[in-house]
Amino acid sequence: MESEISVRVASDLLRFLPAARRQERQTVAHDGTSTVGHIVESLGVPLTEIGPLTVDGEPVGPAHQPAPGTEVSVEAVPRPQPVPLDEGQTAPRFLLDVHLGTLARRMRLLGLDTAYHNDMDDPALVVQANEERRVLLTQDRGLLRRRALWFGAYVRGSRPDDQLHDLLERFAPPLAPWTRCTACNGVLVAVDKEEVERDLEDGTRRSYDVYGRCTECGQVYWRGAHGGHLEQIVQDAIRVVGAVRPAPMAGYREGAAS
């Protein structure tokens, strides 16, 4: 026979609940065998977004089976959230789903190792995230509930500015602006103007002298007309994170040779 338990959901997690049940205290039916993780997910909150859990004030894990009549308290993931790193790895790597293309470009602008494909389905995303130990970023709660996924995070916000702020606030990753290709995620290296002149239009060749090139796709970068806007994105990001790593390619702007 089913009984009931009380669930208190942190205000920061109410966004995941259906509008009709968007309140901090919930009373839910409980069969006595379901885990805390299952109960919370059944309310709509992905496990990736869940922080400390308690039952009647005692810390528990998602696999704990609460007794009927108890009170479960669910907190949000503490920020900044650490990401497990492989040996020799100094910063987290990321993988974004097909709906976050603009965010991916901005993350690459900041020097974050960011994989993105505009044609990859959910199972393939999980495989790549697991194989390359990348944090999977998405606004698809169903994708985050896949049991095989090693690490994922829900991206908040509908505008790229808000999404980037949320990502930086959540993980506070070390930044290295102007060091990655915004098109393919490859590493940028400085090149002499003579090496890329044949790829430049006359106006660009006359106006700019400092260039970088992607080691993966060969795209050329220089101080472009949109540099002010991109510089603002970088400075805002630095303020959010609070610190920035040395940027060996500092000064390169997103301008691509045709």
C-alpha atoms as a PDB file:
ATOM      1  CA  MET A   1       0.000   0.000   0.000  1.00  0.00           C
ATOM      2  CA  GLU A   2       1.200   3.460  -0.802  1.00  0.00           C
ATOM      3  CA  SER A   3       1.770   6.014   1.926  1.00  0.00           C
ATOM      4  CA  GLU A   4       2.986   9.591   1.689  1.00  0.00           C
ATOM      5  CA  ILE A   5       6.173  11.541   2.266  1.00  0.00           C
ATOM      6  CA  SER A   6       6.830  15.258   2.338  1.00  0.00           C
ATOM      7  CA  VAL A   7       9.340  16.742  -0.110  1.00  0.00           C
ATOM      8  CA  ARG A   8      10.788  20.220   0.286  1.00  0.00           C
ATOM      9  CA  VAL A   9      12.261  21.493  -2.986  1.00  0.00           C
ATOM     10  CA  ALA A  10      14.743  24.369  -2.978  1.00  0.00           C
ATOM     11  CA  SER A  11      13.360  27.506  -4.613  1.00  0.00           C
ATOM     12  CA  ASP A  12      16.112  27.404  -7.237  1.00  0.00           C
ATOM     13  CA  LEU A  13      14.773  24.048  -8.458  1.00  0.00           C
ATOM     14  CA  LEU A  14      11.105  24.986  -8.748  1.00  0.00           C
ATOM     15  CA  ARG A  15      11.629  25.878 -12.423  1.00  0.00           C
ATOM     16  CA  PHE A  16      11.717  22.131 -13.170  1.00  0.00           C
ATOM     17  CA  LEU A  17       8.333  21.396 -11.620  1.00  0.00           C
ATOM     18  CA  PRO A  18       5.068  21.583 -13.584  1.00  0.00           C
ATOM     19  CA  ALA A  19       3.439  24.990 -13.214  1.00  0.00           C
ATOM     20  CA  ALA A  20       0.505  23.536 -11.265  1.00  0.00           C
ATOM     21  CA  ARG A  21       2.867  22.081  -8.635  1.00  0.00           C
ATOM     22  CA  ARG A  22       5.482  24.827  -8.487  1.00  0.00           C
ATOM     23  CA  GLN A  23       5.642  25.134  -4.718  1.00  0.00           C
ATOM     24  CA  GLU A  24       8.433  24.361  -2.277  1.00  0.00           C
ATOM     25  CA  ARG A  25       6.563  21.763  -0.229  1.00  0.00           C
ATOM     26  CA  GLN A  26       5.143  18.723  -1.946  1.00  0.00           C
ATOM     27  CA  THR A  27       3.237  15.733  -0.614  1.00  0.00           C
ATOM     28  CA  VAL A  28       3.807  12.703  -2.800  1.00  0.00           C
ATOM     29  CA  ALA A  29       2.621   9.115  -2.741  1.00  0.00           C
ATOM     30  CA  HIS A  30       5.340   6.680  -1.727  1.00  0.00           C
ATOM     31  CA  ASP A  31       5.409   2.906  -1.975  1.00  0.00           C
ATOM     32  CA  GLY A  32       8.157   2.456   0.596  1.00  0.00           C
ATOM     33  CA  THR A  33      10.701   1.126  -1.901  1.00  0.00           C
ATOM     34  CA  SER A  34      11.437   4.055  -4.245  1.00  0.00           C
ATOM     35  CA  THR A  35      14.737   5.869  -3.797  1.00  0.00           C
ATOM     36  CA  VAL A  36      15.102   9.551  -3.022  1.00  0.00           C
ATOM     37  CA  GLY A  37      16.570  10.059  -6.495  1.00  0.00           C
ATOM     38  CA  HIS A  38      13.580   8.429  -8.169  1.00  0.00           C
ATOM     39  CA  ILE A  39      11.138  10.467  -6.099  1.00  0.00           C
ATOM     40  CA  VAL A  40      12.814  13.752  -6.946  1.00  0.00           C
ATOM     41  CA  GLU A  41      13.096  12.896 -10.643  1.00  0.00           C
ATOM     42  CA  SER A  42       9.401  11.984 -10.709  1.00  0.00           C
ATOM     43  CA  LEU A  43       8.697  15.592  -9.718  1.00  0.00           C
ATOM     44  CA  GLY A  44      10.625  16.765 -12.799  1.00  0.00           C
ATOM     45  CA  VAL A  45      14.042  17.633 -11.352  1.00  0.00           C
ATOM     46  CA  PRO A  46      17.002  15.941 -13.145  1.00  0.00           C
ATOM     47  CA  LEU A  47      19.545  14.335 -10.825  1.00  0.00           C
ATOM     48  CA  THR A  48      22.248  16.471 -12.442  1.00  0.00           C
ATOM     49  CA  GLU A  49      20.671  19.541 -10.803  1.00  0.00           C
ATOM     50  CA  ILE A  50      20.325  18.057  -7.333  1.00  0.00           C
ATOM     51  CA  GLY A  51      22.745  18.991  -4.562  1.00  0.00           C
ATOM     52  CA  PRO A  52      22.630  17.918  -0.892  1.00  0.00           C
ATOM     53  CA  LEU A  53      19.769  15.624   0.101  1.00  0.00           C
ATOM     54  CA  THR A  54      18.468  15.022   3.606  1.00  0.00           C
ATOM     55  CA  VAL A  55      15.772  12.803   5.089  1.00  0.00           C
ATOM     56  CA  ASP A  56      14.430  14.090   8.396  1.00  0.00           C
ATOM     57  CA  GLY A  57      17.528  16.284   8.599  1.00  0.00           C
ATOM     58  CA  GLU A  58      20.059  13.502   7.999  1.00  0.00           C
ATOM     59  CA  PRO A  59      22.275  13.603   4.871  1.00  0.00           C
ATOM     60  CA  VAL A  60      21.548  10.818   2.385  1.00  0.00           C
ATOM     61  CA  GLY A  61      22.448   9.869  -1.172  1.00  0.00           C
ATOM     62  CA  PRO A  62      20.108   9.511  -4.169  1.00  0.00           C
ATOM     63  CA  ALA A  63      19.973   5.722  -3.643  1.00  0.00           C
ATOM     64  CA  HIS A  64      18.536   6.043  -0.120  1.00  0.00           C
ATOM     65  CA  GLN A  65      15.051   4.588   0.383  1.00  0.00           C
ATOM     66  CA  PRO A  66      13.090   6.868   2.705  1.00  0.00           C
ATOM     67  CA  ALA A  67      10.411   5.466   4.982  1.00  0.00           C
ATOM     68  CA  PRO A  68       6.797   6.601   4.568  1.00  0.00           C
ATOM     69  CA  GLY A  69       5.994   9.674   6.624  1.00  0.00           C
ATOM     70  CA  THR A  70       9.485  11.153   6.454  1.00  0.00           C
ATOM     71  CA  GLU A  71      10.487  14.537   5.048  1.00  0.00           C
ATOM     72  CA  VAL A  72      12.919  14.769   2.139  1.00  0.00           C
ATOM     73  CA  SER A  73      14.788  18.035   1.597  1.00  0.00           C
ATOM     74  CA  VAL A  74      16.282  18.722  -1.840  1.00  0.00           C
ATOM     75  CA  GLU A  75      18.877  21.445  -2.399  1.00  0.00           C
ATOM     76  CA  ALA A  76      20.276  22.703  -5.700  1.00  0.00           C
ATOM     77  CA  VAL A  77      23.813  21.911  -6.866  1.00  0.00           C
ATOM     78  CA  PRO A  78      26.229  24.212  -4.991  1.00  0.00           C
ATOM     79  CA  ARG A  79      28.003  26.751  -7.157  1.00  0.00           C
ATOM     80  CA  PRO A  80      30.699  26.727  -8.371  1.00  0.00           C
ATOM     81  CA  GLN A  81      30.408  23.016  -9.046  1.00  0.00           C
ATOM     82  CA  PRO A  82      33.655  21.049  -9.396  1.00  0.00           C
ATOM     83  CA  VAL A  83      34.098  18.726 -12.376  1.00  0.00           C
ATOM     84  CA  PRO A  84      36.216  15.560 -12.093  1.00  0.00           C
ATOM     85  CA  LEU A  85      39.343  15.986 -14.237  1.00  0.00           C
ATOM     86  CA  ASP A  86      41.520  13.300 -15.812  1.00  0.00           C
ATOM     87  CA  GLU A  87      45.191  13.171 -14.937  1.00  0.00           C
ATOM     88  CA  GLY A  88      46.992  16.063 -16.626  1.00  0.00           C
ATOM     89  CA  GLN A  89      43.738  17.867 -17.412  1.00  0.00           C
ATOM     90  CA  THR A  90      43.611  21.442 -16.100  1.00  0.00           C
ATOM     91  CA  ALA A  91      40.103  22.520 -17.090  1.00  0.00           C
ATOM     92  CA  PRO A  92      36.744  20.889 -17.780  1.00  0.00           C
ATOM     93  CA  ARG A  93      35.747  20.006 -21.334  1.00  0.00           C
ATOM     94  CA  PHE A  94      32.228  20.564 -22.626  1.00  0.00           C
ATOM     95  CA  LEU A  95      29.805  19.180 -25.209  1.00  0.00           C
ATOM     96  CA  LEU A  96      26.684  21.107 -26.246  1.00  0.00           C
ATOM     97  CA  ASP A  97      23.513  19.796 -27.844  1.00  0.00           C
ATOM     98  CA  VAL A  98      22.180  20.990 -31.199  1.00  0.00           C
ATOM     99  CA  HIS A  99      20.191  23.899 -29.740  1.00  0.00           C
ATOM    100  CA  LEU A 100      23.142  25.713 -28.147  1.00  0.00           C
ATOM    101  CA  GLY A 101      25.254  26.711 -31.136  1.00  0.00           C
ATOM    102  CA  THR A 102      25.632  30.387 -30.213  1.00  0.00           C
ATOM    103  CA  LEU A 103      26.635  29.478 -26.678  1.00  0.00           C
ATOM    104  CA  ALA A 104      29.244  27.088 -28.085  1.00  0.00           C
ATOM    105  CA  ARG A 105      30.873  29.870 -30.121  1.00  0.00           C
ATOM    106  CA  ARG A 106      31.010  32.163 -27.112  1.00  0.00           C
ATOM    107  CA  MET A 107      32.542  29.461 -24.958  1.00  0.00           C
ATOM    108  CA  ARG A 108      35.222  28.876 -27.595  1.00  0.00           C
ATOM    109  CA  LEU A 109      35.854  32.618 -27.703  1.00  0.00           C
ATOM    110  CA  LEU A 110      36.723  32.331 -24.007  1.00  0.00           C
ATOM    111  CA  GLY A 111      39.120  29.469 -24.671  1.00  0.00           C
ATOM    112  CA  LEU A 112      36.882  26.711 -23.274  1.00  0.00           C
ATOM    113  CA  ASP A 113      37.269  23.306 -24.929  1.00  0.00           C
ATOM    114  CA  THR A 114      33.775  23.079 -26.415  1.00  0.00           C
ATOM    115  CA  ALA A 115      32.555  20.362 -28.763  1.00  0.00           C
ATOM    116  CA  TYR A 116      29.385  21.034 -30.752  1.00  0.00           C
ATOM    117  CA  HIS A 117      27.570  19.343 -33.634  1.00  0.00           C
ATOM    118  CA  ASN A 118      24.389  20.581 -35.273  1.00  0.00           C
ATOM    119  CA  ASP A 119      23.316  17.101 -36.361  1.00  0.00           C
ATOM    120  CA  MET A 120      24.070  14.726 -33.454  1.00  0.00           C
ATOM    121  CA  ASP A 121      21.257  12.762 -31.782  1.00  0.00           C
ATOM    122  CA  ASP A 122      20.920  12.119 -28.052  1.00  0.00           C
ATOM    123  CA  PRO A 123      22.540   8.655 -27.876  1.00  0.00           C
ATOM    124  CA  ALA A 124      25.573   9.887 -29.814  1.00  0.00           C
ATOM    125  CA  LEU A 125      25.908  12.901 -27.520  1.00  0.00           C
ATOM    126  CA  VAL A 126      26.000  10.648 -24.474  1.00  0.00           C
ATOM    127  CA  VAL A 127      28.621   8.410 -26.096  1.00  0.00           C
ATOM    128  CA  GLN A 128      30.901  11.349 -26.935  1.00  0.00           C
ATOM    129  CA  ALA A 129      30.435  12.961 -23.522  1.00  0.00           C
ATOM    130  CA  ASN A 130      31.399   9.710 -21.802  1.00  0.00           C
ATOM    131  CA  GLU A 131      34.309   8.800 -24.077  1.00  0.00           C
ATOM    132  CA  GLU A 132      35.885  12.276 -23.952  1.00  0.00           C
ATOM    133  CA  ARG A 133      34.845  13.062 -20.362  1.00  0.00           C
ATOM    134  CA  ARG A 134      32.961  16.170 -21.438  1.00  0.00           C
ATOM    135  CA  VAL A 135      30.234  17.876 -19.437  1.00  0.00           C
ATOM    136  CA  LEU A 136      27.081  17.626 -21.551  1.00  0.00           C
ATOM    137  CA  LEU A 137      25.202  20.935 -21.572  1.00  0.00           C
ATOM    138  CA  THR A 138      21.574  20.948 -22.654  1.00  0.00           C
ATOM    139  CA  GLN A 139      18.093  22.287 -21.974  1.00  0.00           C
ATOM    140  CA  ASP A 140      16.613  18.849 -22.604  1.00  0.00           C
ATOM    141  CA  ARG A 141      15.727  17.338 -19.234  1.00  0.00           C
ATOM    142  CA  GLY A 142      15.097  13.973 -20.842  1.00  0.00           C
ATOM    143  CA  LEU A 143      18.676  13.899 -22.102  1.00  0.00           C
ATOM    144  CA  LEU A 144      19.993  14.651 -18.621  1.00  0.00           C
ATOM    145  CA  ARG A 145      17.984  11.721 -17.220  1.00  0.00           C
ATOM    146  CA  ARG A 146      19.814   9.155 -19.337  1.00  0.00           C
ATOM    147  CA  ARG A 147      21.420   6.764 -16.857  1.00  0.00           C
ATOM    148  CA  ALA A 148      24.505   6.220 -18.999  1.00  0.00           C
ATOM    149  CA  LEU A 149      25.514   9.897 -18.914  1.00  0.00           C
ATOM    150  CA  TRP A 150      28.550  10.466 -16.700  1.00  0.00           C
ATOM    151  CA  PHE A 151      28.124  14.236 -16.144  1.00  0.00           C
ATOM    152  CA  GLY A 152      25.621  16.760 -17.437  1.00  0.00           C
ATOM    153  CA  ALA A 153      24.122  20.135 -16.614  1.00  0.00           C
ATOM    154  CA  TYR A 154      20.981  22.038 -17.474  1.00  0.00           C
ATOM    155  CA  VAL A 155      21.632  25.428 -19.119  1.00  0.00           C
ATOM    156  CA  ARG A 156      19.366  28.161 -17.833  1.00  0.00           C
ATOM    157  CA  GLY A 157      18.196  31.096 -19.894  1.00  0.00           C
ATOM    158  CA  SER A 158      16.792  31.665 -23.373  1.00  0.00           C
ATOM    159  CA  ARG A 159      19.344  34.282 -24.482  1.00  0.00           C
ATOM    160  CA  PRO A 160      23.004  33.412 -25.167  1.00  0.00           C
ATOM    161  CA  ASP A 161      24.128  36.118 -22.699  1.00  0.00           C
ATOM    162  CA  ASP A 162      22.111  34.531 -19.915  1.00  0.00           C
ATOM    163  CA  GLN A 163      23.175  31.019 -20.871  1.00  0.00           C
ATOM    164  CA  LEU A 164      26.852  31.960 -20.798  1.00  0.00           C
ATOM    165  CA  HIS A 165      26.484  33.704 -17.446  1.00  0.00           C
ATOM    166  CA  ASP A 166      24.794  30.597 -16.030  1.00  0.00           C
ATOM    167  CA  LEU A 167      27.539  28.303 -17.352  1.00  0.00           C
ATOM    168  CA  LEU A 168      30.337  30.485 -15.979  1.00  0.00           C
ATOM    169  CA  GLU A 169      28.659  30.927 -12.626  1.00  0.00           C
ATOM    170  CA  ARG A 170      28.032  27.201 -12.283  1.00  0.00           C
ATOM    171  CA  PHE A 171      31.498  25.904 -13.162  1.00  0.00           C
ATOM    172  CA  ALA A 172      33.803  28.955 -12.911  1.00  0.00           C
ATOM    173  CA  PRO A 173      36.152  27.389 -15.489  1.00  0.00           C
ATOM    174  CA  PRO A 174      39.603  28.885 -16.098  1.00  0.00           C
ATOM    175  CA  LEU A 175      39.433  31.178 -19.124  1.00  0.00           C
ATOM    176  CA  ALA A 176      41.926  31.677 -21.950  1.00  0.00           C
ATOM    177  CA  PRO A 177      40.245  34.155 -24.334  1.00  0.00           C
ATOM    178  CA  TRP A 178      41.191  34.289 -28.013  1.00  0.00           C
ATOM    179  CA  THR A 179      42.931  30.900 -27.995  1.00  0.00           C
ATOM    180  CA  ARG A 180      40.347  28.705 -29.776  1.00  0.00           C
ATOM    181  CA  CYS A 181      38.689  28.716 -33.159  1.00  0.00           C
ATOM    182  CA  THR A 182      35.044  29.660 -32.734  1.00  0.00           C
ATOM    183  CA  ALA A 183      34.148  27.621 -35.822  1.00  0.00           C
ATOM    184  CA  CYS A 184      35.684  24.235 -34.968  1.00  0.00           C
ATOM    185  CA  ASN A 185      37.190  24.463 -31.447  1.00  0.00           C
ATOM    186  CA  GLY A 186      40.745  24.065 -32.714  1.00  0.00           C
ATOM    187  CA  VAL A 187      43.673  25.828 -31.054  1.00  0.00           C
ATOM    188  CA  LEU A 188      44.813  29.160 -32.533  1.00  0.00           C
ATOM    189  CA  VAL A 189      48.470  29.957 -33.166  1.00  0.00           C
ATOM    190  CA  ALA A 190      50.066  33.232 -34.203  1.00  0.00           C
ATOM    191  CA  VAL A 191      51.109  33.498 -37.864  1.00  0.00           C
ATOM    192  CA  ASP A 192      53.033  36.085 -39.845  1.00  0.00           C
ATOM    193  CA  LYS A 193      50.987  38.236 -42.175  1.00  0.00           C
ATOM    194  CA  GLU A 194      52.993  36.956 -45.139  1.00  0.00           C
ATOM    195  CA  GLU A 195      51.782  33.407 -44.449  1.00  0.00           C
ATOM    196  CA  VAL A 196      48.107  34.292 -44.849  1.00  0.00           C
ATOM    197  CA  GLU A 197      48.118  37.222 -47.290  1.00  0.00           C
ATOM    198  CA  ARG A 198      46.846  35.121 -50.179  1.00  0.00           C
ATOM    199  CA  ASP A 199      43.739  34.243 -48.117  1.00  0.00           C
ATOM    200  CA  LEU A 200      42.858  37.847 -47.284  1.00  0.00           C
ATOM    201  CA  GLU A 201      40.753  40.423 -49.078  1.00  0.00           C
ATOM    202  CA  ASP A 202      42.499  43.651 -50.063  1.00  0.00           C
ATOM    203  CA  GLY A 203      40.783  45.738 -47.381  1.00  0.00           C
ATOM    204  CA  THR A 204      41.716  43.296 -44.623  1.00  0.00           C
ATOM    205  CA  ARG A 205      45.310  43.065 -45.853  1.00  0.00           C
ATOM    206  CA  ARG A 206      45.678  46.850 -45.735  1.00  0.00           C
ATOM    207  CA  SER A 207      43.976  47.321 -42.366  1.00  0.00           C
ATOM    208  CA  TYR A 208      45.400  44.602 -40.123  1.00  0.00           C
ATOM    209  CA  ASP A 209      48.831  43.243 -39.291  1.00  0.00           C
ATOM    210  CA  VAL A 210      48.224  40.750 -36.443  1.00  0.00           C
ATOM    211  CA  TYR A 211      46.823  37.330 -37.375  1.00  0.00           C
ATOM    212  CA  GLY A 212      46.179  33.911 -35.926  1.00  0.00           C
ATOM    213  CA  ARG A 213      45.255  30.640 -37.594  1.00  0.00           C
ATOM    214  CA  CYS A 214      43.385  27.563 -36.419  1.00  0.00           C
ATOM    215  CA  THR A 215      45.589  24.483 -36.250  1.00  0.00           C
ATOM    216  CA  GLU A 216      42.604  22.271 -37.130  1.00  0.00           C
ATOM    217  CA  CYS A 217      40.576  23.934 -39.886  1.00  0.00           C
ATOM    218  CA  GLY A 218      43.049  26.616 -41.018  1.00  0.00           C
ATOM    219  CA  GLN A 219      40.636  29.523 -40.517  1.00  0.00           C
ATOM    220  CA  VAL A 220      42.413  32.864 -40.167  1.00  0.00           C
ATOM    221  CA  TYR A 221      41.599  35.396 -37.439  1.00  0.00           C
ATOM    222  CA  TRP A 222      42.452  39.083 -37.064  1.00  0.00           C
ATOM    223  CA  ARG A 223      41.315  42.254 -35.287  1.00  0.00           C
ATOM    224  CA  GLY A 224      37.890  42.594 -36.828  1.00  0.00           C
ATOM    225  CA  ALA A 225      35.106  45.142 -36.897  1.00  0.00           C
ATOM    226  CA  HIS A 226      33.191  43.197 -34.230  1.00  0.00           C
ATOM    227  CA  GLY A 227      36.107  43.266 -31.811  1.00  0.00           C
ATOM    228  CA  GLY A 228      34.425  45.679 -29.421  1.00  0.00           C
ATOM    229  CA  HIS A 229      31.393  43.442 -28.975  1.00  0.00           C
ATOM    230  CA  LEU A 230      33.528  40.351 -28.475  1.00  0.00           C
ATOM    231  CA  GLU A 231      35.794  42.193 -26.052  1.00  0.00           C
ATOM    232  CA  GLN A 232      32.735  43.059 -23.982  1.00  0.00           C
ATOM    233  CA  ILE A 233      31.719  39.379 -23.870  1.00  0.00           C
ATOM    234  CA  VAL A 234      35.213  38.480 -22.674  1.00  0.00           C
ATOM    235  CA  GLN A 235      35.353  41.181 -20.012  1.00  0.00           C
ATOM    236  CA  ASP A 236      31.899  40.271 -18.714  1.00  0.00           C
ATOM    237  CA  ALA A 237      32.986  36.637 -18.501  1.00  0.00           C
ATOM    238  CA  ILE A 238      36.142  37.520 -16.601  1.00  0.00           C
ATOM    239  CA  ARG A 239      34.080  39.438 -14.084  1.00  0.00           C
ATOM    240  CA  VAL A 240      31.767  36.459 -13.579  1.00  0.00           C
ATOM    241  CA  VAL A 241      34.531  33.956 -13.093  1.00  0.00           C
ATOM    242  CA  GLY A 242      36.648  36.361 -11.085  1.00  0.00           C
ATOM    243  CA  ALA A 243      39.978  35.389 -12.635  1.00  0.00           C
ATOM    244  CA  VAL A 244      41.425  34.571 -16.011  1.00  0.00           C
ATOM    245  CA  ARG A 245      44.367  32.442 -17.061  1.00  0.00           C
ATOM    246  CA  PRO A 246      47.185  33.917 -19.179  1.00  0.00           C
ATOM    247  CA  ALA A 247      46.020  34.331 -22.775  1.00  0.00           C
ATOM    248  CA  PRO A 248      48.896  33.753 -25.244  1.00  0.00           C
ATOM    249  CA  MET A 249      46.672  34.799 -28.124  1.00  0.00           C
ATOM    250  CA  ALA A 250      45.336  37.930 -26.411  1.00  0.00           C
ATOM    251  CA  GLY A 251      44.295  40.531 -28.931  1.00  0.00           C
ATOM    252  CA  TYR A 252      42.922  38.267 -31.692  1.00  0.00           C
ATOM    253  CA  ARG A 253      39.401  38.975 -32.728  1.00  0.00           C
ATOM    254  CA  GLU A 254      36.892  36.907 -34.601  1.00  0.00           C
ATOM    255  CA  GLY A 255      37.261  37.790 -38.248  1.00  0.00           C
ATOM    256  CA  ALA A 256      37.477  35.019 -40.782  1.00  0.00           C
ATOM    257  CA  ALA A 257      39.173  34.940 -44.129  1.00  0.00           C
ATOM    258  CA  SER A 258      36.799  34.057 -46.904  1.00  0.00           C
END
